Amino acid sequence: MIVDRALYRGGRRTRTPDDLKDALAAARAAGDGFVWVGVHDPTPDEFDMVADAFGLHPLAVEDALKAHQRPKLEVYRESLFAVVKPLDYKDDGGTVSASELMVFLGDGFVVTVRHGRAAVAAQVRARLENEPDVLRHGPASVLYAIYDSVVDTYLDIAVELQLDLEELEEQVFDPSGGTAAGTAATIYGFKRQVLEFRRCSNPLTDPLARLAAGSVPYVDARTKPFFRDVADHLSRVADAGEGLDRLLSDILTAHLTQVGVRQNDDMRKISAWAAMAAVPTLIAGIYGMNFDHMPELHYVWAYPAALGVMATAVLVLYALFKRRGWL
C-alpha cells in the first residue's frame, strides 16, 4: 500500500496532485522538483499503478515485489534500482534482524518500497523535510540520506555487538559461567548474528563506490562528497564486522581449549583414583584365591599386615598424585 506521497519543490513539500502521472509532470515542469512515493509491502496490483506512472523496469519491479534481494545497485534506462537492508538489534536476545528497502530513482521521482518493520524511509523523509537545503539536491539526496541512515545504524549495532561479545568473553573465562554446551551454543548464536550483519553490510561497498565516483546516472555530481562520506563510514563498518568475527573465533578457540583442559584434568583425577583403588584390589584378589599352600594365611598378624600394606600403598599413591596436581 502507498503510505505517503509528496511533491517537493526547492526542497519543500507542496500540494501533490492525486494522479501520480500528473504529479510527475508537475515535478519535471518545475525543474527543481521531484515526487517521492513511499510503499509498504505492496501487492502486484497496487504496485502496477506506481510502476506504470513512473515507467519502472519490469525486472526491477519483480525484484521489489518478491523481496529477499541482496543489497545492490542496478542501472536501467528509466531509473536506478537500489536495495539496502536496514538492521535492528535486540539486546535481550542478541538477535540481528534484517528488513528490506528498495529505492527507485529517476528523472523527477523517487519510489521507496519497504518490506518488514524497519521504518527507515519514514524517518529519512521526516528528517529531510526539516533540512530543505539537503532536499533541494533532488532525488539523489533521498538516496544519500537512506544510505547514510542505514550505515550509521550498522555502526551502532557493531558497537552493541562488541559490548555483548566482551561480556561473553568474560563469561567464557569465568569458571562458574555456565555449562560448556550452553556457552558453545551462545557463541555459535553470535556467529550467526555477525554473519547476518556482514551479509547485509558488505555488499554495499560496490554501490557506494560507484556513487562516490559519480559514474551513476540520475545522481547529481554535487552529491559525490556526501556518498564518499557514507562510503568511509561503511569501511569502518566492514572493519568492525571483520573484528567481531575474529573476536568470536578467538572466544570459541579459548572456550574449546578450556573444555579440553577441564576434560584432561577430569581424566587425570579419574586415573588417580582408579590407580589407588587398583592396589588394594590386587592384594585382595591374590589372597582371595584360597589356595592351600599360602603359608602367610596361617599367621596371626597376616590379616592386619595385608590391611596395612593396602593402606600404606594408597597413602603413598595419594601423596604422589597430590604433589603432581592430579588430585
C-alpha atoms as a PDB file:
ATOM      1  CA  MET A   1       0.000   0.000   0.000  1.00  0.00           C
ATOM      2  CA  ILE A   2       1.080   3.604  -0.574  1.00  0.00           C
ATOM      3  CA  VAL A   3       1.880   5.062   2.841  1.00  0.00           C
ATOM      4  CA  ASP A   4       2.973   8.523   1.707  1.00  0.00           C
ATOM      5  CA  ARG A   5       3.460  10.544  -1.462  1.00  0.00           C
ATOM      6  CA  ALA A   6       4.552  14.123  -1.921  1.00  0.00           C
ATOM      7  CA  LEU A   7       5.734  16.653  -4.474  1.00  0.00           C
ATOM      8  CA  TYR A   8       8.811  18.625  -3.424  1.00  0.00           C
ATOM      9  CA  ARG A   9       9.907  21.928  -4.973  1.00  0.00           C
ATOM     10  CA  GLY A  10      13.025  23.732  -3.904  1.00  0.00           C
ATOM     11  CA  GLY A  11      13.433  21.291  -1.042  1.00  0.00           C
ATOM     12  CA  ARG A  12       9.965  21.901   0.395  1.00  0.00           C
ATOM     13  CA  ARG A  13       6.819  19.788   0.354  1.00  0.00           C
ATOM     14  CA  THR A  14       3.989  21.239  -1.739  1.00  0.00           C
ATOM     15  CA  ARG A  15       0.467  20.265  -2.697  1.00  0.00           C
ATOM     16  CA  THR A  16       0.562  16.916  -4.521  1.00  0.00           C
ATOM     17  CA  PRO A  17      -1.820  16.078  -7.406  1.00  0.00           C
ATOM     18  CA  ASP A  18      -3.894  12.974  -6.787  1.00  0.00           C
ATOM     19  CA  ASP A  19      -2.751  11.325 -10.001  1.00  0.00           C
ATOM     20  CA  LEU A  20       0.886  10.164  -9.923  1.00  0.00           C
ATOM     21  CA  LYS A  21       1.461  10.937 -13.595  1.00  0.00           C
ATOM     22  CA  ASP A  22       0.209  14.487 -13.062  1.00  0.00           C
ATOM     23  CA  ALA A  23       2.476  14.819 -10.028  1.00  0.00           C
ATOM     24  CA  LEU A  24       5.491  13.642 -12.053  1.00  0.00           C
ATOM     25  CA  ALA A  25       4.668  16.053 -14.878  1.00  0.00           C
ATOM     26  CA  ALA A  26       4.412  18.916 -12.381  1.00  0.00           C
ATOM     27  CA  ALA A  27       7.760  17.990 -10.847  1.00  0.00           C
ATOM     28  CA  ARG A  28       9.528  17.901 -14.209  1.00  0.00           C
ATOM     29  CA  ALA A  29       7.896  21.151 -15.272  1.00  0.00           C
ATOM     30  CA  ALA A  30       9.115  22.879 -12.119  1.00  0.00           C
ATOM     31  CA  GLY A  31      12.724  21.994 -12.904  1.00  0.00           C
ATOM     32  CA  ASP A  32      13.737  21.773  -9.237  1.00  0.00           C
ATOM     33  CA  GLY A  33      11.032  19.368  -8.073  1.00  0.00           C
ATOM     34  CA  PHE A  34      10.523  15.654  -7.662  1.00  0.00           C
ATOM     35  CA  VAL A  35       7.875  13.212  -6.471  1.00  0.00           C
ATOM     36  CA  TRP A  36       8.542  10.843  -3.589  1.00  0.00           C
ATOM     37  CA  VAL A  37       6.216   7.870  -3.176  1.00  0.00           C
ATOM     38  CA  GLY A  38       6.550   5.502  -0.204  1.00  0.00           C
ATOM     39  CA  VAL A  39       5.135   1.975  -0.476  1.00  0.00           C
ATOM     40  CA  HIS A  40       4.932  -0.750   2.188  1.00  0.00           C
ATOM     41  CA  ASP A  41       4.625  -4.475   1.300  1.00  0.00           C
ATOM     42  CA  PRO A  42       2.752  -3.795  -1.959  1.00  0.00           C
ATOM     43  CA  THR A  43       0.643  -6.345  -3.815  1.00  0.00           C
ATOM     44  CA  PRO A  44       1.233  -6.707  -7.576  1.00  0.00           C
ATOM     45  CA  ASP A  45      -1.991  -4.853  -8.377  1.00  0.00           C
ATOM     46  CA  GLU A  46      -1.110  -1.968  -6.054  1.00  0.00           C
ATOM     47  CA  PHE A  47       2.391  -1.621  -7.425  1.00  0.00           C
ATOM     48  CA  ASP A  48       1.354  -1.848 -11.084  1.00  0.00           C
ATOM     49  CA  MET A  49      -0.114   1.640 -10.792  1.00  0.00           C
ATOM     50  CA  VAL A  50       3.149   3.032  -9.437  1.00  0.00           C
ATOM     51  CA  ALA A  51       5.272   1.173 -11.988  1.00  0.00           C
ATOM     52  CA  ASP A  52       3.097   2.437 -14.841  1.00  0.00           C
ATOM     53  CA  ALA A  53       3.186   6.036 -13.626  1.00  0.00           C
ATOM     54  CA  PHE A  54       6.984   6.190 -13.414  1.00  0.00           C
ATOM     55  CA  GLY A  55       7.879   3.722 -16.176  1.00  0.00           C
ATOM     56  CA  LEU A  56       9.753   1.316 -13.894  1.00  0.00           C
ATOM     57  CA  HIS A  57      11.587  -1.612 -15.465  1.00  0.00           C
ATOM     58  CA  PRO A  58       9.653  -4.907 -15.105  1.00  0.00           C
ATOM     59  CA  LEU A  59      12.693  -6.820 -13.831  1.00  0.00           C
ATOM     60  CA  ALA A  60      13.257  -4.267 -11.052  1.00  0.00           C
ATOM     61  CA  VAL A  61       9.523  -4.308 -10.279  1.00  0.00           C
ATOM     62  CA  GLU A  62       9.658  -8.092  -9.938  1.00  0.00           C
ATOM     63  CA  ASP A  63      12.584  -7.833  -7.508  1.00  0.00           C
ATOM     64  CA  ALA A  64      10.775  -5.172  -5.489  1.00  0.00           C
ATOM     65  CA  LEU A  65       7.670  -7.311  -5.157  1.00  0.00           C
ATOM     66  CA  LYS A  66       9.426 -10.581  -4.268  1.00  0.00           C
ATOM     67  CA  ALA A  67      11.926  -9.042  -1.837  1.00  0.00           C
ATOM     68  CA  HIS A  68      14.665 -11.287  -0.357  1.00  0.00           C
ATOM     69  CA  GLN A  69      17.207  -9.492  -2.520  1.00  0.00           C
ATOM     70  CA  ARG A  70      20.906  -8.990  -1.954  1.00  0.00           C
ATOM     71  CA  PRO A  71      21.992  -5.356  -1.413  1.00  0.00           C
ATOM     72  CA  LYS A  72      22.820  -3.967  -4.857  1.00  0.00           C
ATOM     73  CA  LEU A  73      22.599  -1.031  -7.270  1.00  0.00           C
ATOM     74  CA  GLU A  74      21.328  -1.640 -10.802  1.00  0.00           C
ATOM     75  CA  VAL A  75      21.082   0.846 -13.652  1.00  0.00           C
ATOM     76  CA  TYR A  76      18.144   0.715 -16.065  1.00  0.00           C
ATOM     77  CA  ARG A  77      17.354   3.087 -18.887  1.00  0.00           C
ATOM     78  CA  GLU A  78      14.431   4.592 -16.990  1.00  0.00           C
ATOM     79  CA  SER A  79      15.792   4.593 -13.452  1.00  0.00           C
ATOM     80  CA  LEU A  80      18.217   3.336 -10.824  1.00  0.00           C
ATOM     81  CA  PHE A  81      17.233   0.445  -8.600  1.00  0.00           C
ATOM     82  CA  ALA A  82      18.919   0.138  -5.199  1.00  0.00           C
ATOM     83  CA  VAL A  83      18.414  -2.441  -2.464  1.00  0.00           C
ATOM     84  CA  VAL A  84      19.539  -1.921   1.128  1.00  0.00           C
ATOM     85  CA  LYS A  85      18.941  -3.993   4.239  1.00  0.00           C
ATOM     86  CA  PRO A  86      18.242  -1.988   7.387  1.00  0.00           C
ATOM     87  CA  LEU A  87      19.115  -3.880  10.560  1.00  0.00           C
ATOM     88  CA  ASP A  88      17.696  -3.971  14.055  1.00  0.00           C
ATOM     89  CA  TYR A  89      19.422  -5.417  17.118  1.00  0.00           C
ATOM     90  CA  LYS A  90      17.678  -6.721  20.223  1.00  0.00           C
ATOM     91  CA  ASP A  91      19.950  -6.689  23.272  1.00  0.00           C
ATOM     92  CA  ASP A  92      17.836  -9.097  25.292  1.00  0.00           C
ATOM     93  CA  GLY A  93      18.123 -11.910  22.753  1.00  0.00           C
ATOM     94  CA  GLY A  94      21.289 -10.827  20.956  1.00  0.00           C
ATOM     95  CA  THR A  95      19.416 -11.037  17.656  1.00  0.00           C
ATOM     96  CA  VAL A  96      20.146  -9.150  14.443  1.00  0.00           C
ATOM     97  CA  SER A  97      17.035  -8.877  12.273  1.00  0.00           C
ATOM     98  CA  ALA A  98      17.021  -7.508   8.715  1.00  0.00           C
ATOM     99  CA  SER A  99      14.353  -5.726   6.724  1.00  0.00           C
ATOM    100  CA  GLU A 100      14.494  -4.676   3.082  1.00  0.00           C
ATOM    101  CA  LEU A 101      14.215  -1.286   1.451  1.00  0.00           C
ATOM    102  CA  MET A 102      14.148  -0.838  -2.319  1.00  0.00           C
ATOM    103  CA  VAL A 103      14.675   2.548  -3.919  1.00  0.00           C
ATOM    104  CA  PHE A 104      13.736   3.501  -7.475  1.00  0.00           C
ATOM    105  CA  LEU A 105      15.339   6.762  -8.519  1.00  0.00           C
ATOM    106  CA  GLY A 106      14.805   8.516 -11.833  1.00  0.00           C
ATOM    107  CA  ASP A 107      14.163  11.812 -13.572  1.00  0.00           C
ATOM    108  CA  GLY A 108      11.996  13.710 -11.128  1.00  0.00           C
ATOM    109  CA  PHE A 109      10.916  10.861  -8.875  1.00  0.00           C
ATOM    110  CA  VAL A 110      11.848   8.553  -6.011  1.00  0.00           C
ATOM    111  CA  VAL A 111       9.907   5.416  -5.069  1.00  0.00           C
ATOM    112  CA  THR A 112      10.772   3.613  -1.815  1.00  0.00           C
ATOM    113  CA  VAL A 113       9.432   0.107  -1.244  1.00  0.00           C
ATOM    114  CA  ARG A 114       9.642  -1.253   2.293  1.00  0.00           C
ATOM    115  CA  HIS A 115       9.425  -4.892   3.341  1.00  0.00           C
ATOM    116  CA  GLY A 116       9.453  -5.627   7.066  1.00  0.00           C
ATOM    117  CA  ARG A 117       9.113  -3.452  10.134  1.00  0.00           C
ATOM    118  CA  ALA A 118      12.045  -1.044   9.715  1.00  0.00           C
ATOM    119  CA  ALA A 119      10.740   2.494   9.172  1.00  0.00           C
ATOM    120  CA  VAL A 120      13.924   3.943   7.679  1.00  0.00           C
ATOM    121  CA  ALA A 121      12.168   5.610   4.745  1.00  0.00           C
ATOM    122  CA  ALA A 122       9.662   7.387   7.015  1.00  0.00           C
ATOM    123  CA  GLN A 123      12.426   8.529   9.369  1.00  0.00           C
ATOM    124  CA  VAL A 124      14.517   9.804   6.466  1.00  0.00           C
ATOM    125  CA  ARG A 125      11.530  11.668   4.998  1.00  0.00           C
ATOM    126  CA  ALA A 126      10.820  13.353   8.336  1.00  0.00           C
ATOM    127  CA  ARG A 127      14.468  14.347   8.696  1.00  0.00           C
ATOM    128  CA  LEU A 128      14.862  15.677   5.166  1.00  0.00           C
ATOM    129  CA  GLU A 129      11.674  17.733   5.340  1.00  0.00           C
ATOM    130  CA  ASN A 130      13.401  19.642   8.148  1.00  0.00           C
ATOM    131  CA  GLU A 131      16.540  20.048   6.010  1.00  0.00           C
ATOM    132  CA  PRO A 132      15.392  21.706   2.760  1.00  0.00           C
ATOM    133  CA  ASP A 133      18.975  22.626   1.856  1.00  0.00           C
ATOM    134  CA  VAL A 134      19.730  18.910   1.502  1.00  0.00           C
ATOM    135  CA  LEU A 135      16.392  18.001  -0.053  1.00  0.00           C
ATOM    136  CA  ARG A 136      16.721  20.577  -2.840  1.00  0.00           C
ATOM    137  CA  HIS A 137      19.523  18.460  -4.344  1.00  0.00           C
ATOM    138  CA  GLY A 138      16.728  16.312  -5.740  1.00  0.00           C
ATOM    139  CA  PRO A 139      16.130  12.554  -5.751  1.00  0.00           C
ATOM    140  CA  ALA A 140      19.818  11.830  -5.116  1.00  0.00           C
ATOM    141  CA  SER A 141      19.502  13.477  -1.690  1.00  0.00           C
ATOM    142  CA  VAL A 142      16.919  10.849  -0.707  1.00  0.00           C
ATOM    143  CA  LEU A 143      19.185   8.004  -1.799  1.00  0.00           C
ATOM    144  CA  TYR A 144      22.093   9.539   0.107  1.00  0.00           C
ATOM    145  CA  ALA A 145      20.024  10.011   3.267  1.00  0.00           C
ATOM    146  CA  ILE A 146      18.806   6.395   3.147  1.00  0.00           C
ATOM    147  CA  TYR A 147      22.334   5.030   2.755  1.00  0.00           C
ATOM    148  CA  ASP A 148      23.586   7.370   5.484  1.00  0.00           C
ATOM    149  CA  SER A 149      20.865   6.306   7.932  1.00  0.00           C
ATOM    150  CA  VAL A 150      21.328   2.584   7.251  1.00  0.00           C
ATOM    151  CA  VAL A 151      25.137   2.687   7.526  1.00  0.00           C
ATOM    152  CA  ASP A 152      25.011   4.736  10.738  1.00  0.00           C
ATOM    153  CA  THR A 153      22.679   2.084  12.179  1.00  0.00           C
ATOM    154  CA  TYR A 154      25.235  -0.564  11.201  1.00  0.00           C
ATOM    155  CA  LEU A 155      27.873   1.307  13.205  1.00  0.00           C
ATOM    156  CA  ASP A 156      25.597   1.481  16.247  1.00  0.00           C
ATOM    157  CA  ILE A 157      24.839  -2.246  16.011  1.00  0.00           C
ATOM    158  CA  ALA A 158      28.556  -3.045  15.682  1.00  0.00           C
ATOM    159  CA  VAL A 159      29.189  -1.202  18.961  1.00  0.00           C
ATOM    160  CA  GLU A 160      26.362  -3.082  20.713  1.00  0.00           C
ATOM    161  CA  LEU A 161      27.637  -6.414  19.398  1.00  0.00           C
ATOM    162  CA  GLN A 162      31.148  -5.542  20.599  1.00  0.00           C
ATOM    163  CA  LEU A 163      29.861  -4.881  24.118  1.00  0.00           C
ATOM    164  CA  ASP A 164      27.889  -8.151  24.172  1.00  0.00           C
ATOM    165  CA  LEU A 165      30.888 -10.115  22.923  1.00  0.00           C
ATOM    166  CA  GLU A 166      33.074  -8.616  25.638  1.00  0.00           C
ATOM    167  CA  GLU A 167      30.537  -9.869  28.196  1.00  0.00           C
ATOM    168  CA  LEU A 168      30.590 -13.281  26.514  1.00  0.00           C
ATOM    169  CA  GLU A 169      34.382 -13.292  26.689  1.00  0.00           C
ATOM    170  CA  GLU A 170      34.243 -12.662  30.442  1.00  0.00           C
ATOM    171  CA  GLN A 171      31.697 -15.467  30.773  1.00  0.00           C
ATOM    172  CA  VAL A 172      33.979 -17.897  28.936  1.00  0.00           C
ATOM    173  CA  PHE A 173      36.846 -17.224  31.359  1.00  0.00           C
ATOM    174  CA  ASP A 174      34.571 -17.338  34.413  1.00  0.00           C
ATOM    175  CA  PRO A 175      34.733 -20.844  35.981  1.00  0.00           C
ATOM    176  CA  SER A 176      31.095 -20.535  37.015  1.00  0.00           C
ATOM    177  CA  GLY A 177      29.993 -19.106  33.665  1.00  0.00           C
ATOM    178  CA  GLY A 178      27.651 -21.942  32.761  1.00  0.00           C
ATOM    179  CA  THR A 179      27.826 -25.328  31.100  1.00  0.00           C
ATOM    180  CA  ALA A 180      30.156 -25.971  28.197  1.00  0.00           C
ATOM    181  CA  ALA A 181      27.264 -26.862  25.916  1.00  0.00           C
ATOM    182  CA  GLY A 182      25.369 -23.694  26.825  1.00  0.00           C
ATOM    183  CA  THR A 183      28.393 -21.472  26.242  1.00  0.00           C
ATOM    184  CA  ALA A 184      29.152 -23.092  22.890  1.00  0.00           C
ATOM    185  CA  ALA A 185      25.545 -22.597  21.795  1.00  0.00           C
ATOM    186  CA  THR A 186      25.750 -18.910  22.762  1.00  0.00           C
ATOM    187  CA  ILE A 187      28.979 -18.455  20.785  1.00  0.00           C
ATOM    188  CA  TYR A 188      27.525 -20.081  17.678  1.00  0.00           C
ATOM    189  CA  GLY A 189      24.401 -17.961  18.103  1.00  0.00           C
ATOM    190  CA  PHE A 190      26.529 -14.817  17.964  1.00  0.00           C
ATOM    191  CA  LYS A 191      28.364 -16.282  14.963  1.00  0.00           C
ATOM    192  CA  ARG A 192      25.065 -16.383  13.086  1.00  0.00           C
ATOM    193  CA  GLN A 193      24.245 -12.793  14.066  1.00  0.00           C
ATOM    194  CA  VAL A 194      27.634 -11.480  12.943  1.00  0.00           C
ATOM    195  CA  LEU A 195      27.248 -13.412   9.675  1.00  0.00           C
ATOM    196  CA  GLU A 196      23.864 -11.732   9.105  1.00  0.00           C
ATOM    197  CA  PHE A 197      25.429  -8.368   9.933  1.00  0.00           C
ATOM    198  CA  ARG A 198      28.203  -8.842   7.369  1.00  0.00           C
ATOM    199  CA  ARG A 199      25.840 -10.313   4.781  1.00  0.00           C
ATOM    200  CA  CYS A 200      23.818  -7.085   4.843  1.00  0.00           C
ATOM    201  CA  SER A 201      26.667  -4.566   5.091  1.00  0.00           C
ATOM    202  CA  ASN A 202      29.491  -5.905   2.927  1.00  0.00           C
ATOM    203  CA  PRO A 203      27.605  -5.907  -0.424  1.00  0.00           C
ATOM    204  CA  LEU A 204      27.023  -2.131  -0.091  1.00  0.00           C
ATOM    205  CA  THR A 205      30.715  -1.460  -0.782  1.00  0.00           C
ATOM    206  CA  ASP A 206      30.429  -1.599  -4.571  1.00  0.00           C
ATOM    207  CA  PRO A 207      27.238   0.530  -4.905  1.00  0.00           C
ATOM    208  CA  LEU A 208      28.654   3.262  -2.671  1.00  0.00           C
ATOM    209  CA  ALA A 209      31.983   3.222  -4.508  1.00  0.00           C
ATOM    210  CA  ARG A 210      30.144   3.770  -7.799  1.00  0.00           C
ATOM    211  CA  LEU A 211      28.027   6.555  -6.332  1.00  0.00           C
ATOM    212  CA  ALA A 212      31.072   8.238  -4.783  1.00  0.00           C
ATOM    213  CA  ALA A 213      32.856   8.092  -8.145  1.00  0.00           C
ATOM    214  CA  GLY A 214      29.960   9.885  -9.824  1.00  0.00           C
ATOM    215  CA  SER A 215      29.573   7.264 -12.541  1.00  0.00           C
ATOM    216  CA  VAL A 216      25.879   6.590 -11.920  1.00  0.00           C
ATOM    217  CA  PRO A 217      23.116   8.323 -13.911  1.00  0.00           C
ATOM    218  CA  TYR A 218      20.313  10.265 -12.214  1.00  0.00           C
ATOM    219  CA  VAL A 219      22.728  11.232  -9.417  1.00  0.00           C
ATOM    220  CA  ASP A 220      23.859  14.839  -9.287  1.00  0.00           C
ATOM    221  CA  ALA A 221      27.648  15.149  -9.378  1.00  0.00           C
ATOM    222  CA  ARG A 222      27.430  17.624  -6.492  1.00  0.00           C
ATOM    223  CA  THR A 223      26.372  14.769  -4.205  1.00  0.00           C
ATOM    224  CA  LYS A 224      29.636  12.833  -4.683  1.00  0.00           C
ATOM    225  CA  PRO A 225      31.231  14.158  -1.446  1.00  0.00           C
ATOM    226  CA  PHE A 226      28.185  13.007   0.519  1.00  0.00           C
ATOM    227  CA  PHE A 227      28.387   9.484  -0.880  1.00  0.00           C
ATOM    228  CA  ARG A 228      32.153   9.432  -0.238  1.00  0.00           C
ATOM    229  CA  ASP A 229      31.413  10.216   3.411  1.00  0.00           C
ATOM    230  CA  VAL A 230      28.947   7.314   3.617  1.00  0.00           C
ATOM    231  CA  ALA A 231      31.473   5.036   1.880  1.00  0.00           C
ATOM    232  CA  ASP A 232      34.046   5.998   4.522  1.00  0.00           C
ATOM    233  CA  HIS A 233      31.586   5.082   7.283  1.00  0.00           C
ATOM    234  CA  LEU A 234      30.889   1.782   5.523  1.00  0.00           C
ATOM    235  CA  SER A 235      34.601   0.948   5.517  1.00  0.00           C
ATOM    236  CA  ARG A 236      34.517   1.336   9.298  1.00  0.00           C
ATOM    237  CA  VAL A 237      31.517  -0.990   9.383  1.00  0.00           C
ATOM    238  CA  ALA A 238      33.436  -3.568   7.329  1.00  0.00           C
ATOM    239  CA  ASP A 239      36.427  -3.340   9.691  1.00  0.00           C
ATOM    240  CA  ALA A 240      34.101  -3.691  12.685  1.00  0.00           C
ATOM    241  CA  GLY A 241      32.415  -6.749  11.164  1.00  0.00           C
ATOM    242  CA  GLU A 242      35.753  -8.398  10.482  1.00  0.00           C
ATOM    243  CA  GLY A 243      36.901  -7.607  14.012  1.00  0.00           C
ATOM    244  CA  LEU A 244      33.723  -9.084  15.501  1.00  0.00           C
ATOM    245  CA  ASP A 245      34.146 -12.260  13.502  1.00  0.00           C
ATOM    246  CA  ARG A 246      37.787 -12.564  14.537  1.00  0.00           C
ATOM    247  CA  LEU A 247      36.909 -11.937  18.195  1.00  0.00           C
ATOM    248  CA  LEU A 248      34.241 -14.651  18.076  1.00  0.00           C
ATOM    249  CA  SER A 249      36.724 -17.099  16.581  1.00  0.00           C
ATOM    250  CA  ASP A 250      39.183 -16.303  19.378  1.00  0.00           C
ATOM    251  CA  ILE A 251      36.456 -16.718  22.010  1.00  0.00           C
ATOM    252  CA  LEU A 252      35.439 -20.059  20.529  1.00  0.00           C
ATOM    253  CA  THR A 253      39.068 -21.244  20.436  1.00  0.00           C
ATOM    254  CA  ALA A 254      39.580 -20.200  24.058  1.00  0.00           C
ATOM    255  CA  HIS A 255      36.380 -21.961  25.094  1.00  0.00           C
ATOM    256  CA  LEU A 256      37.310 -25.203  23.334  1.00  0.00           C
ATOM    257  CA  THR A 257      40.794 -25.044  24.852  1.00  0.00           C
ATOM    258  CA  GLN A 258      39.309 -24.626  28.315  1.00  0.00           C
ATOM    259  CA  VAL A 259      36.944 -27.539  27.714  1.00  0.00           C
ATOM    260  CA  GLY A 260      39.895 -29.699  26.636  1.00  0.00           C
ATOM    261  CA  VAL A 261      41.905 -28.695  29.703  1.00  0.00           C
ATOM    262  CA  ARG A 262      38.972 -29.479  32.013  1.00  0.00           C
ATOM    263  CA  GLN A 263      38.477 -32.850  30.343  1.00  0.00           C
ATOM    264  CA  ASN A 264      42.178 -33.701  30.739  1.00  0.00           C
ATOM    265  CA  ASP A 265      42.034 -32.648  34.377  1.00  0.00           C
ATOM    266  CA  ASP A 266      39.000 -34.852  34.955  1.00  0.00           C
ATOM    267  CA  MET A 267      40.721 -37.800  33.270  1.00  0.00           C
ATOM    268  CA  ARG A 268      43.789 -37.371  35.488  1.00  0.00           C
ATOM    269  CA  LYS A 269      41.622 -37.386  38.597  1.00  0.00           C
ATOM    270  CA  ILE A 270      39.736 -40.465  37.455  1.00  0.00           C
ATOM    271  CA  SER A 271      43.005 -42.245  36.619  1.00  0.00           C
ATOM    272  CA  ALA A 272      44.485 -41.338  40.009  1.00  0.00           C
ATOM    273  CA  TRP A 273      41.509 -42.676  41.952  1.00  0.00           C
ATOM    274  CA  ALA A 274      41.448 -45.791  39.768  1.00  0.00           C
ATOM    275  CA  ALA A 275      45.147 -46.407  40.489  1.00  0.00           C
ATOM    276  CA  MET A 276      44.597 -46.043  44.253  1.00  0.00           C
ATOM    277  CA  ALA A 277      41.713 -48.489  44.071  1.00  0.00           C
ATOM    278  CA  ALA A 278      43.723 -50.976  41.975  1.00  0.00           C
ATOM    279  CA  VAL A 279      46.401 -51.704  44.605  1.00  0.00           C
ATOM    280  CA  PRO A 280      44.016 -52.908  47.383  1.00  0.00           C
ATOM    281  CA  THR A 281      42.017 -54.788  44.752  1.00  0.00           C
ATOM    282  CA  LEU A 282      45.170 -56.552  43.566  1.00  0.00           C
ATOM    283  CA  ILE A 283      46.180 -57.620  47.068  1.00  0.00           C
ATOM    284  CA  ALA A 284      42.664 -58.687  47.987  1.00  0.00           C
ATOM    285  CA  GLY A 285      42.395 -60.629  44.732  1.00  0.00           C
ATOM    286  CA  ILE A 286      45.582 -62.556  45.409  1.00  0.00           C
ATOM    287  CA  TYR A 287      44.519 -63.577  48.894  1.00  0.00           C
ATOM    288  CA  GLY A 288      41.023 -64.324  47.717  1.00  0.00           C
ATOM    289  CA  MET A 289      42.171 -67.275  45.605  1.00  0.00           C
ATOM    290  CA  ASN A 290      42.119 -69.591  48.689  1.00  0.00           C
ATOM    291  CA  PHE A 291      44.994 -71.873  47.669  1.00  0.00           C
ATOM    292  CA  ASP A 292      46.044 -74.461  50.246  1.00  0.00           C
ATOM    293  CA  HIS A 293      49.722 -73.598  50.176  1.00  0.00           C
ATOM    294  CA  MET A 294      49.664 -69.934  51.240  1.00  0.00           C
ATOM    295  CA  PRO A 295      51.707 -70.042  54.486  1.00  0.00           C
ATOM    296  CA  GLU A 296      51.136 -66.417  55.458  1.00  0.00           C
ATOM    297  CA  LEU A 297      47.413 -67.065  55.813  1.00  0.00           C
ATOM    298  CA  HIS A 298      48.101 -69.029  58.982  1.00  0.00           C
ATOM    299  CA  TYR A 299      49.930 -66.206  60.772  1.00  0.00           C
ATOM    300  CA  VAL A 300      48.034 -64.188  63.368  1.00  0.00           C
ATOM    301  CA  TRP A 301      49.371 -60.892  62.022  1.00  0.00           C
ATOM    302  CA  ALA A 302      48.730 -61.736  58.355  1.00  0.00           C
ATOM    303  CA  TYR A 303      45.328 -60.012  58.144  1.00  0.00           C
ATOM    304  CA  PRO A 304      46.320 -56.681  59.778  1.00  0.00           C
ATOM    305  CA  ALA A 305      49.578 -56.775  57.786  1.00  0.00           C
ATOM    306  CA  ALA A 306      47.645 -57.058  54.495  1.00  0.00           C
ATOM    307  CA  LEU A 307      45.387 -54.179  55.506  1.00  0.00           C
ATOM    308  CA  GLY A 308      48.434 -52.128  56.483  1.00  0.00           C
ATOM    309  CA  VAL A 309      50.108 -52.737  53.133  1.00  0.00           C
ATOM    310  CA  MET A 310      46.916 -51.704  51.340  1.00  0.00           C
ATOM    311  CA  ALA A 311      46.560 -48.513  53.376  1.00  0.00           C
ATOM    312  CA  THR A 312      50.255 -47.614  53.016  1.00  0.00           C
ATOM    313  CA  ALA A 313      50.161 -48.142  49.241  1.00  0.00           C
ATOM    314  CA  VAL A 314      47.022 -45.975  48.892  1.00  0.00           C
ATOM    315  CA  LEU A 315      48.520 -43.192  51.038  1.00  0.00           C
ATOM    316  CA  VAL A 316      51.781 -43.232  49.072  1.00  0.00           C
ATOM    317  CA  LEU A 317      49.881 -43.024  45.769  1.00  0.00           C
ATOM    318  CA  TYR A 318      47.636 -40.248  47.107  1.00  0.00           C
ATOM    319  CA  ALA A 319      50.644 -38.181  48.190  1.00  0.00           C
ATOM    320  CA  LEU A 320      52.338 -38.745  44.835  1.00  0.00           C
ATOM    321  CA  PHE A 321      49.272 -37.727  42.785  1.00  0.00           C
ATOM    322  CA  LYS A 322      48.619 -34.741  45.041  1.00  0.00           C
ATOM    323  CA  ARG A 323      52.176 -33.495  44.558  1.00  0.00           C
ATOM    324  CA  ARG A 324      51.790 -33.701  40.762  1.00  0.00           C
ATOM    325  CA  GLY A 325      48.472 -31.856  40.835  1.00  0.00           C
ATOM    326  CA  TRP A 326      46.328 -34.767  39.711  1.00  0.00           C
ATOM    327  CA  LEU A 327      44.105 -34.518  42.771  1.00  0.00           C
END
